[in-house]
Amino acid sequence: MPDTQIQATLDKLGTAYRTQNLALALSTMDERVVWDISGPNDVPYCGVYYGHEGFSRFWWLLGTTVAFHEAGGHTTLYGDDVAVALGGECGSLRATNRTYHYDWAVEYRFGADARIVTMRQYWDPGRIHAALGSTLNWPGTK
């Protein structure tokens, strides 16, 4: 699959996040998408979500938990039906108003129609965990 098709999908997804447009985000994904943002159980939006319904739940949980100040990728690597985006985000937690920042790497896999089939985020959830004021001892919390 051409990198330009994959990049167009990722650009569209980025626009969806910036404009908080769930329908646009869903249009970039296969109906059976697997969205994996694993992390501590007490971070409300961490988990593995299946399909458009699952992603919609993730979107709602994320939106009620954090207010983004800045988020996005700075580098994307391509290979066949895979892209790996490197980036980060910063924002504040709605419940505590504490700020956070972390870097991430996201692996996307695409179907023949250039829609996202799987997404897996690699990150250190300790920063979000600390900003939530969690009492659990998670590596990376201060």
N, C-alpha and C. Protein backbone atom coordinates (compact mmCIF):
# COMPACT_ATOMS: atom_id res chain seq x y z
N MET A 1 0.84 -1.17 0.00
CA MET A 1 0.00 0.00 0.00
C MET A 1 0.90 1.25 0.00
N PRO A 2 0.59 2.22 -0.82
CA PRO A 2 1.43 3.43 -0.88
C PRO A 2 1.41 4.21 0.44
N ASP A 3 2.57 4.72 0.80
CA ASP A 3 2.69 5.52 2.02
C ASP A 3 1.73 6.71 2.01
N THR A 4 1.45 7.26 0.82
CA THR A 4 0.57 8.43 0.73
C THR A 4 -0.84 8.10 1.21
N GLN A 5 -1.32 6.89 0.93
CA GLN A 5 -2.65 6.49 1.41
C GLN A 5 -2.66 6.37 2.93
N ILE A 6 -1.62 5.76 3.47
CA ILE A 6 -1.53 5.61 4.92
C ILE A 6 -1.41 6.98 5.57
N GLN A 7 -0.58 7.86 5.02
CA GLN A 7 -0.41 9.19 5.60
C GLN A 7 -1.71 9.98 5.54
N ALA A 8 -2.48 9.82 4.47
CA ALA A 8 -3.77 10.51 4.37
C ALA A 8 -4.71 10.05 5.48
N THR A 9 -4.70 8.76 5.78
CA THR A 9 -5.53 8.23 6.87
C THR A 9 -5.08 8.81 8.21
N LEU A 10 -3.77 8.83 8.46
CA LEU A 10 -3.26 9.35 9.72
C LEU A 10 -3.52 10.85 9.85
N ASP A 11 -3.41 11.59 8.74
CA ASP A 11 -3.72 13.02 8.76
C ASP A 11 -5.18 13.25 9.13
N LYS A 12 -6.05 12.44 8.55
CA LYS A 12 -7.48 12.53 8.83
C LYS A 12 -7.76 12.22 10.31
N LEU A 13 -7.08 11.20 10.84
CA LEU A 13 -7.24 10.86 12.26
C LEU A 13 -6.75 12.01 13.14
N GLY A 14 -5.63 12.62 12.78
CA GLY A 14 -5.12 13.77 13.52
C GLY A 14 -6.10 14.93 13.52
N THR A 15 -6.71 15.18 12.38
CA THR A 15 -7.73 16.23 12.29
C THR A 15 -8.91 15.90 13.19
N ALA A 16 -9.30 14.64 13.21
CA ALA A 16 -10.42 14.21 14.07
C ALA A 16 -10.12 14.49 15.54
N TYR A 17 -8.90 14.19 15.97
CA TYR A 17 -8.53 14.46 17.36
C TYR A 17 -8.51 15.97 17.64
N ARG A 18 -7.91 16.74 16.74
CA ARG A 18 -7.82 18.19 16.95
C ARG A 18 -9.19 18.86 16.99
N THR A 19 -10.13 18.36 16.19
CA THR A 19 -11.46 18.97 16.11
C THR A 19 -12.49 18.24 16.96
N GLN A 20 -12.05 17.20 17.66
CA GLN A 20 -12.93 16.38 18.51
C GLN A 20 -14.11 15.84 17.72
N ASN A 21 -13.82 15.29 16.54
CA ASN A 21 -14.83 14.79 15.62
C ASN A 21 -14.80 13.26 15.59
N LEU A 22 -15.65 12.66 16.40
CA LEU A 22 -15.68 11.20 16.51
C LEU A 22 -16.03 10.54 15.18
N ALA A 23 -17.00 11.07 14.46
CA ALA A 23 -17.40 10.46 13.18
C ALA A 23 -16.23 10.44 12.20
N LEU A 24 -15.44 11.50 12.16
CA LEU A 24 -14.28 11.54 11.28
C LEU A 24 -13.25 10.51 11.72
N ALA A 25 -13.02 10.38 13.02
CA ALA A 25 -12.08 9.37 13.52
C ALA A 25 -12.54 7.98 13.11
N LEU A 26 -13.82 7.67 13.30
CA LEU A 26 -14.34 6.35 12.95
C LEU A 26 -14.21 6.06 11.46
N SER A 27 -14.27 7.09 10.64
CA SER A 27 -14.17 6.89 9.18
C SER A 27 -12.78 6.43 8.77
N THR A 28 -11.79 6.57 9.65
CA THR A 28 -10.42 6.13 9.34
C THR A 28 -10.19 4.68 9.75
N MET A 29 -11.20 4.05 10.36
CA MET A 29 -11.02 2.73 10.97
C MET A 29 -11.93 1.68 10.37
N ASP A 30 -11.39 0.47 10.29
CA ASP A 30 -12.19 -0.69 9.94
C ASP A 30 -13.25 -0.88 11.03
N GLU A 31 -14.40 -1.44 10.67
CA GLU A 31 -15.46 -1.66 11.66
C GLU A 31 -15.03 -2.60 12.78
N ARG A 32 -14.02 -3.44 12.51
CA ARG A 32 -13.54 -4.40 13.52
C ARG A 32 -12.20 -3.96 14.12
N VAL A 33 -11.93 -2.69 14.13
CA VAL A 33 -10.67 -2.16 14.64
C VAL A 33 -10.40 -2.66 16.07
N VAL A 34 -9.13 -2.87 16.36
CA VAL A 34 -8.69 -3.17 17.73
C VAL A 34 -7.82 -1.99 18.16
N TRP A 35 -8.22 -1.30 19.20
CA TRP A 35 -7.55 -0.10 19.69
C TRP A 35 -6.97 -0.42 21.05
N ASP A 36 -5.64 -0.51 21.16
CA ASP A 36 -4.97 -0.98 22.37
C ASP A 36 -4.14 0.14 22.99
N ILE A 37 -4.62 0.64 24.11
CA ILE A 37 -3.87 1.62 24.88
C ILE A 37 -3.81 1.09 26.32
N SER A 38 -3.06 0.02 26.47
CA SER A 38 -2.98 -0.68 27.75
C SER A 38 -2.26 0.17 28.79
N GLY A 39 -2.66 -0.01 30.04
CA GLY A 39 -2.06 0.72 31.15
C GLY A 39 -2.75 0.36 32.44
N PRO A 40 -2.48 1.13 33.50
CA PRO A 40 -3.05 0.82 34.81
C PRO A 40 -4.58 0.87 34.80
N ASN A 41 -5.19 0.01 35.59
CA ASN A 41 -6.65 -0.06 35.65
C ASN A 41 -7.30 1.22 36.13
N ASP A 42 -6.60 2.02 36.93
CA ASP A 42 -7.23 3.23 37.45
C ASP A 42 -7.05 4.44 36.55
N VAL A 43 -6.45 4.27 35.37
CA VAL A 43 -6.48 5.31 34.34
C VAL A 43 -7.71 4.99 33.50
N PRO A 44 -8.74 5.83 33.57
CA PRO A 44 -10.05 5.47 33.03
C PRO A 44 -10.08 5.00 31.58
N TYR A 45 -9.24 5.54 30.71
CA TYR A 45 -9.33 5.20 29.30
C TYR A 45 -8.37 4.10 28.86
N CYS A 46 -7.54 3.59 29.77
CA CYS A 46 -6.63 2.50 29.40
C CYS A 46 -7.41 1.21 29.18
N GLY A 47 -7.00 0.47 28.17
CA GLY A 47 -7.63 -0.81 27.90
C GLY A 47 -7.51 -1.16 26.43
N VAL A 48 -8.16 -2.24 26.06
CA VAL A 48 -8.22 -2.68 24.67
C VAL A 48 -9.68 -2.57 24.25
N TYR A 49 -9.92 -1.87 23.14
CA TYR A 49 -11.27 -1.58 22.67
C TYR A 49 -11.47 -2.21 21.30
N TYR A 50 -12.66 -2.77 21.09
CA TYR A 50 -12.95 -3.52 19.87
C TYR A 50 -14.08 -2.87 19.08
N GLY A 51 -13.81 -2.66 17.79
CA GLY A 51 -14.83 -2.15 16.89
C GLY A 51 -15.12 -0.67 17.10
N HIS A 52 -16.03 -0.16 16.27
CA HIS A 52 -16.40 1.25 16.37
C HIS A 52 -17.05 1.56 17.72
N GLU A 53 -17.84 0.63 18.23
CA GLU A 53 -18.47 0.84 19.54
C GLU A 53 -17.42 0.95 20.64
N GLY A 54 -16.44 0.07 20.61
CA GLY A 54 -15.37 0.13 21.60
C GLY A 54 -14.56 1.41 21.49
N PHE A 55 -14.22 1.80 20.26
CA PHE A 55 -13.46 3.03 20.09
C PHE A 55 -14.27 4.23 20.57
N SER A 56 -15.56 4.23 20.32
CA SER A 56 -16.42 5.33 20.77
C SER A 56 -16.39 5.44 22.30
N ARG A 57 -16.36 4.30 22.97
CA ARG A 57 -16.26 4.31 24.43
C ARG A 57 -14.90 4.88 24.86
N PHE A 58 -13.82 4.44 24.20
CA PHE A 58 -12.49 4.99 24.48
C PHE A 58 -12.50 6.51 24.31
N TRP A 59 -13.06 6.98 23.20
CA TRP A 59 -13.11 8.41 22.87
C TRP A 59 -13.81 9.18 23.99
N TRP A 60 -14.93 8.65 24.46
CA TRP A 60 -15.69 9.30 25.52
C TRP A 60 -14.87 9.32 26.82
N LEU A 61 -14.29 8.19 27.19
CA LEU A 61 -13.49 8.12 28.41
C LEU A 61 -12.29 9.06 28.35
N LEU A 62 -11.62 9.10 27.21
CA LEU A 62 -10.48 10.00 27.04
C LEU A 62 -10.93 11.45 27.20
N GLY A 63 -12.02 11.81 26.53
CA GLY A 63 -12.52 13.19 26.57
C GLY A 63 -13.00 13.64 27.93
N THR A 64 -13.48 12.71 28.75
CA THR A 64 -13.93 13.08 30.09
C THR A 64 -12.78 13.06 31.10
N THR A 65 -11.64 12.50 30.70
CA THR A 65 -10.49 12.39 31.60
C THR A 65 -9.47 13.50 31.37
N VAL A 66 -9.16 13.81 30.11
CA VAL A 66 -8.09 14.77 29.82
C VAL A 66 -8.57 15.91 28.93
N ALA A 67 -7.89 17.03 29.04
CA ALA A 67 -8.04 18.15 28.12
C ALA A 67 -6.68 18.31 27.44
N PHE A 68 -6.62 18.04 26.15
CA PHE A 68 -5.36 18.15 25.42
C PHE A 68 -4.96 19.61 25.28
N HIS A 69 -3.69 19.89 25.50
CA HIS A 69 -3.12 21.19 25.18
C HIS A 69 -2.38 21.09 23.85
N GLU A 70 -1.72 19.96 23.68
CA GLU A 70 -0.98 19.71 22.44
C GLU A 70 -0.78 18.21 22.30
N ALA A 71 -0.94 17.71 21.09
CA ALA A 71 -0.72 16.28 20.84
C ALA A 71 -0.43 16.09 19.37
N GLY A 72 0.39 15.10 19.08
CA GLY A 72 0.64 14.78 17.69
C GLY A 72 1.96 14.09 17.48
N GLY A 73 2.10 13.60 16.27
CA GLY A 73 3.32 12.91 15.89
C GLY A 73 4.32 13.84 15.24
N HIS A 74 5.58 13.49 15.33
CA HIS A 74 6.63 14.26 14.67
C HIS A 74 7.38 13.43 13.63
N THR A 75 7.28 12.11 13.71
CA THR A 75 7.96 11.23 12.77
C THR A 75 7.07 10.03 12.49
N THR A 76 6.99 9.63 11.23
CA THR A 76 6.23 8.43 10.87
C THR A 76 7.10 7.55 9.99
N LEU A 77 7.17 6.28 10.33
CA LEU A 77 7.92 5.28 9.58
C LEU A 77 6.92 4.33 8.92
N TYR A 78 7.19 3.95 7.68
CA TYR A 78 6.24 3.14 6.91
C TYR A 78 6.86 1.81 6.49
N GLY A 79 6.00 0.81 6.35
CA GLY A 79 6.42 -0.48 5.82
C GLY A 79 5.20 -1.30 5.45
N ASP A 80 5.01 -1.56 4.18
CA ASP A 80 3.86 -2.34 3.69
C ASP A 80 2.55 -1.79 4.25
N ASP A 81 1.89 -2.57 5.11
CA ASP A 81 0.60 -2.15 5.66
C ASP A 81 0.73 -1.64 7.10
N VAL A 82 1.92 -1.17 7.46
CA VAL A 82 2.20 -0.74 8.84
C VAL A 82 2.78 0.67 8.84
N ALA A 83 2.43 1.43 9.85
CA ALA A 83 3.08 2.71 10.10
C ALA A 83 3.35 2.81 11.60
N VAL A 84 4.49 3.37 11.95
CA VAL A 84 4.82 3.64 13.34
C VAL A 84 5.01 5.15 13.46
N ALA A 85 4.20 5.76 14.31
CA ALA A 85 4.28 7.19 14.52
C ALA A 85 4.92 7.45 15.88
N LEU A 86 5.83 8.41 15.91
CA LEU A 86 6.48 8.83 17.16
C LEU A 86 5.98 10.23 17.48
N GLY A 87 5.63 10.47 18.71
CA GLY A 87 5.11 11.78 19.08
C GLY A 87 4.92 11.88 20.58
N GLY A 88 3.97 12.70 20.96
CA GLY A 88 3.69 12.89 22.37
C GLY A 88 2.47 13.74 22.57
N GLU A 89 2.16 13.96 23.82
CA GLU A 89 1.02 14.81 24.14
C GLU A 89 1.22 15.45 25.49
N CYS A 90 0.58 16.58 25.66
CA CYS A 90 0.53 17.22 26.97
C CYS A 90 -0.88 17.78 27.14
N GLY A 91 -1.26 17.88 28.37
CA GLY A 91 -2.60 18.36 28.66
C GLY A 91 -2.79 18.45 30.15
N SER A 92 -4.05 18.47 30.54
CA SER A 92 -4.37 18.50 31.96
C SER A 92 -5.50 17.51 32.23
N LEU A 93 -5.52 17.03 33.45
CA LEU A 93 -6.54 16.09 33.88
C LEU A 93 -7.75 16.88 34.33
N ARG A 94 -8.91 16.53 33.84
CA ARG A 94 -10.12 17.27 34.20
C ARG A 94 -10.44 17.16 35.69
N ALA A 95 -10.20 16.02 36.30
CA ALA A 95 -10.54 15.80 37.71
C ALA A 95 -9.62 16.55 38.67
N THR A 96 -8.36 16.68 38.33
CA THR A 96 -7.38 17.27 39.25
C THR A 96 -6.80 18.59 38.76
N ASN A 97 -6.98 18.90 37.49
CA ASN A 97 -6.39 20.07 36.83
C ASN A 97 -4.86 20.01 36.81
N ARG A 98 -4.28 18.86 37.14
CA ARG A 98 -2.83 18.69 37.05
C ARG A 98 -2.44 18.48 35.60
N THR A 99 -1.26 18.99 35.26
CA THR A 99 -0.78 18.83 33.89
C THR A 99 0.06 17.56 33.77
N TYR A 100 0.20 17.12 32.55
CA TYR A 100 1.00 15.93 32.26
C TYR A 100 1.63 16.10 30.88
N HIS A 101 2.67 15.33 30.64
CA HIS A 101 3.30 15.23 29.32
C HIS A 101 3.91 13.85 29.22
N TYR A 102 3.76 13.23 28.08
CA TYR A 102 4.48 11.98 27.82
C TYR A 102 4.69 11.81 26.33
N ASP A 103 5.74 11.05 26.01
CA ASP A 103 6.03 10.68 24.63
C ASP A 103 5.43 9.32 24.36
N TRP A 104 5.14 9.04 23.09
CA TRP A 104 4.58 7.75 22.72
C TRP A 104 5.11 7.29 21.37
N ALA A 105 4.95 6.02 21.15
CA ALA A 105 5.13 5.40 19.83
C ALA A 105 3.85 4.63 19.58
N VAL A 106 3.29 4.79 18.40
CA VAL A 106 2.03 4.13 18.06
C VAL A 106 2.24 3.30 16.80
N GLU A 107 1.87 2.04 16.89
CA GLU A 107 1.93 1.13 15.74
C GLU A 107 0.53 1.00 15.16
N TYR A 108 0.40 1.33 13.88
CA TYR A 108 -0.87 1.19 13.17
C TYR A 108 -0.72 0.11 12.11
N ARG A 109 -1.74 -0.71 11.95
CA ARG A 109 -1.82 -1.66 10.84
C ARG A 109 -3.06 -1.31 10.04
N PHE A 110 -2.93 -1.44 8.71
CA PHE A 110 -3.99 -0.98 7.81
C PHE A 110 -4.51 -2.11 6.95
N GLY A 111 -5.80 -2.02 6.62
CA GLY A 111 -6.40 -2.94 5.67
C GLY A 111 -6.15 -2.47 4.25
N ALA A 112 -6.62 -3.24 3.28
CA ALA A 112 -6.41 -2.92 1.87
C ALA A 112 -7.01 -1.57 1.48
N ASP A 113 -8.02 -1.13 2.22
CA ASP A 113 -8.68 0.16 1.93
C ASP A 113 -8.01 1.32 2.67
N ALA A 114 -6.85 1.09 3.28
CA ALA A 114 -6.07 2.09 4.02
C ALA A 114 -6.76 2.55 5.29
N ARG A 115 -7.72 1.78 5.79
CA ARG A 115 -8.33 2.09 7.08
C ARG A 115 -7.59 1.32 8.18
N ILE A 116 -7.58 1.88 9.37
CA ILE A 116 -6.85 1.29 10.50
C ILE A 116 -7.55 0.02 10.96
N VAL A 117 -6.76 -1.05 11.06
CA VAL A 117 -7.26 -2.34 11.55
C VAL A 117 -6.85 -2.54 13.01
N THR A 118 -5.61 -2.18 13.34
CA THR A 118 -5.16 -2.24 14.73
C THR A 118 -4.32 -1.01 15.05
N MET A 119 -4.39 -0.60 16.32
CA MET A 119 -3.57 0.47 16.85
C MET A 119 -3.08 0.00 18.21
N ARG A 120 -1.79 0.13 18.42
CA ARG A 120 -1.21 -0.19 19.73
C ARG A 120 -0.29 0.95 20.13
N GLN A 121 -0.56 1.52 21.30
CA GLN A 121 0.26 2.63 21.79
C GLN A 121 1.26 2.12 22.81
N TYR A 122 2.51 2.53 22.65
CA TYR A 122 3.59 2.23 23.58
C TYR A 122 3.94 3.53 24.29
N TRP A 123 3.87 3.52 25.60
CA TRP A 123 4.04 4.75 26.36
C TRP A 123 4.34 4.42 27.82
N ASP A 124 4.71 5.45 28.57
CA ASP A 124 4.90 5.32 30.01
C ASP A 124 3.69 5.95 30.69
N PRO A 125 2.74 5.15 31.14
CA PRO A 125 1.53 5.70 31.74
C PRO A 125 1.75 6.30 33.13
N GLY A 126 2.97 6.22 33.65
CA GLY A 126 3.25 6.77 34.97
C GLY A 126 2.96 8.25 35.09
N ARG A 127 3.17 8.99 34.03
CA ARG A 127 2.94 10.45 34.08
C ARG A 127 1.45 10.77 34.22
N ILE A 128 0.62 10.08 33.47
CA ILE A 128 -0.83 10.31 33.56
C ILE A 128 -1.32 9.79 34.90
N HIS A 129 -0.75 8.69 35.33
CA HIS A 129 -1.09 8.07 36.60
C HIS A 129 -0.81 9.04 37.75
N ALA A 130 0.35 9.67 37.74
CA ALA A 130 0.72 10.63 38.77
C ALA A 130 -0.20 11.85 38.74
N ALA A 131 -0.52 12.33 37.54
CA ALA A 131 -1.38 13.50 37.41
C ALA A 131 -2.79 13.22 37.93
N LEU A 132 -3.22 11.96 37.83
CA LEU A 132 -4.53 11.59 38.37
C LEU A 132 -4.51 11.55 39.89
N GLY A 133 -3.31 11.56 40.47
CA GLY A 133 -3.19 11.51 41.92
C GLY A 133 -3.44 10.12 42.46
N SER A 134 -3.16 9.13 41.64
CA SER A 134 -3.39 7.75 42.04
C SER A 134 -2.51 7.36 43.21
N THR A 135 -3.04 6.50 44.05
CA THR A 135 -2.27 6.01 45.19
C THR A 135 -1.53 4.73 44.86
N LEU A 136 -1.78 4.16 43.69
CA LEU A 136 -1.06 2.96 43.30
C LEU A 136 0.39 3.30 43.00
N ASN A 137 1.29 2.41 43.32
CA ASN A 137 2.70 2.61 43.04
C ASN A 137 3.00 2.09 41.64
N TRP A 138 2.99 2.97 40.66
CA TRP A 138 3.24 2.61 39.27
C TRP A 138 4.63 3.08 38.90
N PRO A 139 5.44 2.25 38.24
CA PRO A 139 6.78 2.70 37.85
C PRO A 139 6.71 4.01 37.07
N GLY A 140 7.56 4.94 37.41
CA GLY A 140 7.61 6.22 36.71
C GLY A 140 6.84 7.32 37.40
N THR A 141 6.05 7.00 38.42
CA THR A 141 5.33 8.05 39.14
C THR A 141 6.28 8.71 40.13
N LYS A 142 6.03 9.95 40.39
CA LYS A 142 6.88 10.70 41.32
C LYS A 142 6.07 11.18 42.49
